[in-house]
């Protein structure tokens, strides 16, 4: 007997493949919030997620009235109370599964933008809902669950240096709605 599939079997397999197609991932944006210490070392900021309390970077959905970098900057303000200069050049992406409710979740791809923190305020939209903490990149990488985010954090110093030399920066202003873009 031949190991070839019958015409009917191939047709059934094609139909099954079409009906069980994987849904496309949803795009989110995140901010790799960083600053220099007094000793010229880089620290990165992590926040806890509201649902599970795990360590993550500030992130959220894209916004129709903002660029992807602008939306990442807004998420950094809402989730961590930080303002600064965001680079419009992404430093990478990572994936994770976002829980929508007890029964549903969605696969997300997060595009990450570096944000040099100039100020961190105590009061911000989600201040009572999350913890924030500064870590050196290696310790931050050990705190996060997502392997691709771990890689971004481990390479934070070189990724930030590259974007500072080759990217465009949006400078923070007194009014976050009025941002001035300059090319570095």
C-alpha atoms as a PDB file:
ATOM      1  CA  UNK A   1       0.000   0.000   0.000  1.00  0.00           C
ATOM      2  CA  UNK A   2       1.355   3.434  -0.940  1.00  0.00           C
ATOM      3  CA  UNK A   3       2.106   5.967   1.843  1.00  0.00           C
ATOM      4  CA  UNK A   4       0.663   8.752  -0.329  1.00  0.00           C
ATOM      5  CA  UNK A   5      -2.399  10.582   0.947  1.00  0.00           C
ATOM      6  CA  UNK A   6      -5.633  10.140  -0.888  1.00  0.00           C
ATOM      7  CA  UNK A   7      -7.239  13.096  -2.590  1.00  0.00           C
ATOM      8  CA  UNK A   8     -10.027  13.066  -0.002  1.00  0.00           C
ATOM      9  CA  UNK A   9      -7.550  13.053   2.930  1.00  0.00           C
ATOM     10  CA  UNK A  10      -5.574  15.969   1.460  1.00  0.00           C
ATOM     11  CA  UNK A  11      -8.824  17.922   1.057  1.00  0.00           C
ATOM     12  CA  UNK A  12      -9.770  17.262   4.708  1.00  0.00           C
ATOM     13  CA  UNK A  13      -6.314  18.337   5.904  1.00  0.00           C
ATOM     14  CA  UNK A  14      -6.495  21.601   3.918  1.00  0.00           C
ATOM     15  CA  UNK A  15      -9.951  22.359   5.354  1.00  0.00           C
ATOM     16  CA  UNK A  16      -8.769  21.629   8.893  1.00  0.00           C
ATOM     17  CA  UNK A  17      -5.724  23.849   8.429  1.00  0.00           C
ATOM     18  CA  UNK A  18      -7.886  26.737   7.200  1.00  0.00           C
ATOM     19  CA  UNK A  19     -10.353  26.442  10.077  1.00  0.00           C
ATOM     20  CA  UNK A  20      -7.662  26.305  12.756  1.00  0.00           C
ATOM     21  CA  UNK A  21      -5.508  29.146  11.472  1.00  0.00           C
ATOM     22  CA  UNK A  22      -3.548  30.943  14.146  1.00  0.00           C
ATOM     23  CA  UNK A  23      -4.897  34.407  14.784  1.00  0.00           C
ATOM     24  CA  UNK A  24      -2.419  37.179  13.998  1.00  0.00           C
ATOM     25  CA  UNK A  25      -0.579  38.796  16.888  1.00  0.00           C
ATOM     26  CA  UNK A  26      -1.731  42.190  18.154  1.00  0.00           C
ATOM     27  CA  UNK A  27       0.758  45.063  18.145  1.00  0.00           C
ATOM     28  CA  UNK A  28       1.703  46.805  21.366  1.00  0.00           C
ATOM     29  CA  UNK A  29       4.421  49.357  22.091  1.00  0.00           C
ATOM     30  CA  UNK A  30       6.766  49.522  25.053  1.00  0.00           C
ATOM     31  CA  UNK A  31       9.288  51.926  26.523  1.00  0.00           C
ATOM     32  CA  UNK A  32      12.758  50.840  27.594  1.00  0.00           C
ATOM     33  CA  UNK A  33      13.092  53.533  30.261  1.00  0.00           C
ATOM     34  CA  UNK A  34      16.710  54.200  31.179  1.00  0.00           C
ATOM     35  CA  UNK A  35      18.993  56.698  32.918  1.00  0.00           C
ATOM     36  CA  UNK A  36      22.644  57.113  33.807  1.00  0.00           C
ATOM     37  CA  UNK A  37      23.770  56.760  37.418  1.00  0.00           C
ATOM     38  CA  UNK A  38      26.359  59.064  39.013  1.00  0.00           C
ATOM     39  CA  UNK A  39      29.010  56.523  37.960  1.00  0.00           C
ATOM     40  CA  UNK A  40      27.882  56.563  34.286  1.00  0.00           C
ATOM     41  CA  UNK A  41      26.239  53.162  34.590  1.00  0.00           C
ATOM     42  CA  UNK A  42      22.900  52.516  32.932  1.00  0.00           C
ATOM     43  CA  UNK A  43      19.825  51.642  34.995  1.00  0.00           C
ATOM     44  CA  UNK A  44      16.543  50.492  33.466  1.00  0.00           C
ATOM     45  CA  UNK A  45      13.087  50.872  34.933  1.00  0.00           C
ATOM     46  CA  UNK A  46      10.673  47.977  35.360  1.00  0.00           C
ATOM     47  CA  UNK A  47       7.061  48.123  36.496  1.00  0.00           C
ATOM     48  CA  UNK A  48       4.802  45.414  37.820  1.00  0.00           C
ATOM     49  CA  UNK A  49       1.828  44.274  35.773  1.00  0.00           C
ATOM     50  CA  UNK A  50      -1.563  44.987  37.312  1.00  0.00           C
ATOM     51  CA  UNK A  51      -2.959  41.475  36.850  1.00  0.00           C
ATOM     52  CA  UNK A  52      -0.121  39.186  37.932  1.00  0.00           C
ATOM     53  CA  UNK A  53       2.454  41.488  39.541  1.00  0.00           C
ATOM     54  CA  UNK A  54       5.253  40.243  37.285  1.00  0.00           C
ATOM     55  CA  UNK A  55       8.051  42.638  36.251  1.00  0.00           C
ATOM     56  CA  UNK A  56       7.676  44.165  32.766  1.00  0.00           C
ATOM     57  CA  UNK A  57       8.505  47.367  30.913  1.00  0.00           C
ATOM     58  CA  UNK A  58       5.774  50.005  30.491  1.00  0.00           C
ATOM     59  CA  UNK A  59       3.740  48.956  27.460  1.00  0.00           C
ATOM     60  CA  UNK A  60       0.319  49.161  25.916  1.00  0.00           C
ATOM     61  CA  UNK A  61      -1.773  49.331  22.785  1.00  0.00           C
ATOM     62  CA  UNK A  62      -0.983  51.640  19.883  1.00  0.00           C
ATOM     63  CA  UNK A  63      -2.969  54.888  19.753  1.00  0.00           C
ATOM     64  CA  UNK A  64      -4.610  56.298  16.636  1.00  0.00           C
ATOM     65  CA  UNK A  65      -3.610  59.855  17.513  1.00  0.00           C
ATOM     66  CA  UNK A  66       0.075  59.084  18.247  1.00  0.00           C
ATOM     67  CA  UNK A  67       3.065  57.529  16.543  1.00  0.00           C
ATOM     68  CA  UNK A  68       4.200  54.175  17.902  1.00  0.00           C
ATOM     69  CA  UNK A  69       7.062  55.908  19.767  1.00  0.00           C
ATOM     70  CA  UNK A  70       4.626  58.532  21.052  1.00  0.00           C
ATOM     71  CA  UNK A  71       2.281  55.829  22.331  1.00  0.00           C
ATOM     72  CA  UNK A  72       5.211  54.107  24.107  1.00  0.00           C
ATOM     73  CA  UNK A  73       6.129  57.437  25.692  1.00  0.00           C
ATOM     74  CA  UNK A  74       2.537  57.881  26.873  1.00  0.00           C
ATOM     75  CA  UNK A  75       2.507  54.371  28.395  1.00  0.00           C
ATOM     76  CA  UNK A  76       5.729  55.177  30.290  1.00  0.00           C
ATOM     77  CA  UNK A  77       4.023  58.229  31.785  1.00  0.00           C
ATOM     78  CA  UNK A  78       0.788  56.405  32.667  1.00  0.00           C
ATOM     79  CA  UNK A  79       2.394  53.253  34.114  1.00  0.00           C
ATOM     80  CA  UNK A  80       5.631  54.581  35.649  1.00  0.00           C
ATOM     81  CA  UNK A  81       5.298  58.358  35.954  1.00  0.00           C
ATOM     82  CA  UNK A  82       8.375  59.052  33.844  1.00  0.00           C
ATOM     83  CA  UNK A  83       8.996  61.729  31.246  1.00  0.00           C
ATOM     84  CA  UNK A  84      11.980  62.133  29.010  1.00  0.00           C
ATOM     85  CA  UNK A  85      13.355  61.848  25.489  1.00  0.00           C
ATOM     86  CA  UNK A  86      12.043  58.948  23.423  1.00  0.00           C
ATOM     87  CA  UNK A  87      13.936  57.672  20.426  1.00  0.00           C
ATOM     88  CA  UNK A  88      11.750  56.937  17.412  1.00  0.00           C
ATOM     89  CA  UNK A  89      14.036  54.074  16.386  1.00  0.00           C
ATOM     90  CA  UNK A  90      12.934  50.781  17.928  1.00  0.00           C
ATOM     91  CA  UNK A  91      15.528  48.649  19.719  1.00  0.00           C
ATOM     92  CA  UNK A  92      13.670  45.387  19.154  1.00  0.00           C
ATOM     93  CA  UNK A  93      10.510  43.386  19.652  1.00  0.00           C
ATOM     94  CA  UNK A  94       9.327  40.694  22.006  1.00  0.00           C
ATOM     95  CA  UNK A  95       6.234  38.527  22.222  1.00  0.00           C
ATOM     96  CA  UNK A  96       3.995  37.445  25.066  1.00  0.00           C
ATOM     97  CA  UNK A  97       0.443  36.278  25.721  1.00  0.00           C
ATOM     98  CA  UNK A  98      -1.873  38.891  27.221  1.00  0.00           C
ATOM     99  CA  UNK A  99      -4.732  37.594  29.318  1.00  0.00           C
ATOM    100  CA  UNK A 100      -7.957  39.358  28.355  1.00  0.00           C
ATOM    101  CA  UNK A 101     -10.123  37.558  30.900  1.00  0.00           C
ATOM    102  CA  UNK A 102     -10.243  34.164  32.631  1.00  0.00           C
ATOM    103  CA  UNK A 103     -10.879  32.259  29.407  1.00  0.00           C
ATOM    104  CA  UNK A 104      -9.307  34.349  26.662  1.00  0.00           C
ATOM    105  CA  UNK A 105      -5.819  35.557  25.838  1.00  0.00           C
ATOM    106  CA  UNK A 106      -4.158  37.060  22.800  1.00  0.00           C
ATOM    107  CA  UNK A 107      -0.628  36.855  21.427  1.00  0.00           C
ATOM    108  CA  UNK A 108       1.038  40.285  21.397  1.00  0.00           C
ATOM    109  CA  UNK A 109       4.154  41.599  19.696  1.00  0.00           C
ATOM    110  CA  UNK A 110       5.675  44.542  21.563  1.00  0.00           C
ATOM    111  CA  UNK A 111       7.810  47.057  19.649  1.00  0.00           C
ATOM    112  CA  UNK A 112      10.277  48.606  22.127  1.00  0.00           C
ATOM    113  CA  UNK A 113      11.532  52.209  22.055  1.00  0.00           C
ATOM    114  CA  UNK A 114      14.270  53.588  24.334  1.00  0.00           C
ATOM    115  CA  UNK A 115      13.251  56.507  26.543  1.00  0.00           C
ATOM    116  CA  UNK A 116      15.933  58.462  28.404  1.00  0.00           C
ATOM    117  CA  UNK A 117      14.231  59.445  31.651  1.00  0.00           C
ATOM    118  CA  UNK A 118      14.584  63.102  32.650  1.00  0.00           C
ATOM    119  CA  UNK A 119      12.075  63.074  35.522  1.00  0.00           C
ATOM    120  CA  UNK A 120      10.037  60.614  37.540  1.00  0.00           C
ATOM    121  CA  UNK A 121       6.986  61.880  39.374  1.00  0.00           C
ATOM    122  CA  UNK A 122       5.344  60.348  42.434  1.00  0.00           C
ATOM    123  CA  UNK A 123       1.791  60.936  41.185  1.00  0.00           C
ATOM    124  CA  UNK A 124       0.738  59.599  37.788  1.00  0.00           C
ATOM    125  CA  UNK A 125      -2.335  57.838  36.368  1.00  0.00           C
ATOM    126  CA  UNK A 126      -1.479  54.289  37.585  1.00  0.00           C
ATOM    127  CA  UNK A 127       0.641  55.169  40.638  1.00  0.00           C
ATOM    128  CA  UNK A 128      -1.500  53.208  43.102  1.00  0.00           C
ATOM    129  CA  UNK A 129      -1.698  50.141  40.870  1.00  0.00           C
ATOM    130  CA  UNK A 130       1.941  49.280  40.122  1.00  0.00           C
ATOM    131  CA  UNK A 131       5.383  49.177  41.684  1.00  0.00           C
ATOM    132  CA  UNK A 132       8.356  50.697  39.876  1.00  0.00           C
ATOM    133  CA  UNK A 133      12.018  49.921  40.437  1.00  0.00           C
ATOM    134  CA  UNK A 134      15.347  50.751  38.791  1.00  0.00           C
ATOM    135  CA  UNK A 135      17.714  47.857  38.042  1.00  0.00           C
ATOM    136  CA  UNK A 136      20.997  47.353  36.277  1.00  0.00           C
ATOM    137  CA  UNK A 137      20.232  45.684  32.927  1.00  0.00           C
ATOM    138  CA  UNK A 138      21.486  42.219  33.962  1.00  0.00           C
ATOM    139  CA  UNK A 139      19.322  42.143  37.100  1.00  0.00           C
ATOM    140  CA  UNK A 140      16.331  43.488  35.142  1.00  0.00           C
ATOM    141  CA  UNK A 141      16.795  40.669  32.624  1.00  0.00           C
ATOM    142  CA  UNK A 142      16.621  38.113  35.443  1.00  0.00           C
ATOM    143  CA  UNK A 143      13.370  39.672  36.711  1.00  0.00           C
ATOM    144  CA  UNK A 144      11.372  39.407  33.456  1.00  0.00           C
ATOM    145  CA  UNK A 145       9.677  36.290  32.111  1.00  0.00           C
ATOM    146  CA  UNK A 146       9.817  36.914  28.343  1.00  0.00           C
ATOM    147  CA  UNK A 147      13.057  35.574  26.722  1.00  0.00           C
ATOM    148  CA  UNK A 148      13.158  38.200  23.950  1.00  0.00           C
ATOM    149  CA  UNK A 149      12.676  41.043  26.461  1.00  0.00           C
ATOM    150  CA  UNK A 150      15.446  39.488  28.543  1.00  0.00           C
ATOM    151  CA  UNK A 151      17.751  39.730  25.506  1.00  0.00           C
ATOM    152  CA  UNK A 152      16.819  43.383  24.916  1.00  0.00           C
ATOM    153  CA  UNK A 153      17.587  44.194  28.567  1.00  0.00           C
ATOM    154  CA  UNK A 154      20.916  42.327  28.512  1.00  0.00           C
ATOM    155  CA  UNK A 155      21.904  44.351  25.431  1.00  0.00           C
ATOM    156  CA  UNK A 156      20.415  47.635  26.668  1.00  0.00           C
ATOM    157  CA  UNK A 157      23.703  49.545  26.867  1.00  0.00           C
ATOM    158  CA  UNK A 158      24.756  48.817  23.273  1.00  0.00           C
ATOM    159  CA  UNK A 159      21.201  49.226  21.895  1.00  0.00           C
ATOM    160  CA  UNK A 160      20.844  52.622  23.585  1.00  0.00           C
ATOM    161  CA  UNK A 161      24.288  53.747  22.384  1.00  0.00           C
ATOM    162  CA  UNK A 162      23.422  52.719  18.814  1.00  0.00           C
ATOM    163  CA  UNK A 163      20.111  54.588  18.765  1.00  0.00           C
ATOM    164  CA  UNK A 164      21.680  57.690  20.327  1.00  0.00           C
ATOM    165  CA  UNK A 165      24.168  57.791  17.459  1.00  0.00           C
ATOM    166  CA  UNK A 166      21.797  56.826  14.633  1.00  0.00           C
ATOM    167  CA  UNK A 167      18.242  57.760  15.533  1.00  0.00           C
ATOM    168  CA  UNK A 168      15.742  60.532  15.939  1.00  0.00           C
ATOM    169  CA  UNK A 169      14.757  61.716  19.374  1.00  0.00           C
ATOM    170  CA  UNK A 170      11.518  63.295  20.493  1.00  0.00           C
ATOM    171  CA  UNK A 171      12.356  65.745  23.267  1.00  0.00           C
ATOM    172  CA  UNK A 172      10.139  65.971  26.309  1.00  0.00           C
ATOM    173  CA  UNK A 173       8.366  69.281  26.712  1.00  0.00           C
ATOM    174  CA  UNK A 174       6.350  70.986  29.419  1.00  0.00           C
ATOM    175  CA  UNK A 175       3.189  70.029  27.545  1.00  0.00           C
ATOM    176  CA  UNK A 176       3.429  66.322  26.524  1.00  0.00           C
ATOM    177  CA  UNK A 177       0.980  66.992  23.673  1.00  0.00           C
ATOM    178  CA  UNK A 178       3.401  69.471  22.063  1.00  0.00           C
ATOM    179  CA  UNK A 179       6.504  67.463  21.271  1.00  0.00           C
ATOM    180  CA  UNK A 180       9.364  68.757  19.172  1.00  0.00           C
ATOM    181  CA  UNK A 181      11.132  66.192  16.943  1.00  0.00           C
ATOM    182  CA  UNK A 182      14.795  66.645  16.098  1.00  0.00           C
ATOM    183  CA  UNK A 183      17.245  64.388  14.288  1.00  0.00           C
ATOM    184  CA  UNK A 184      20.419  63.427  16.118  1.00  0.00           C
END
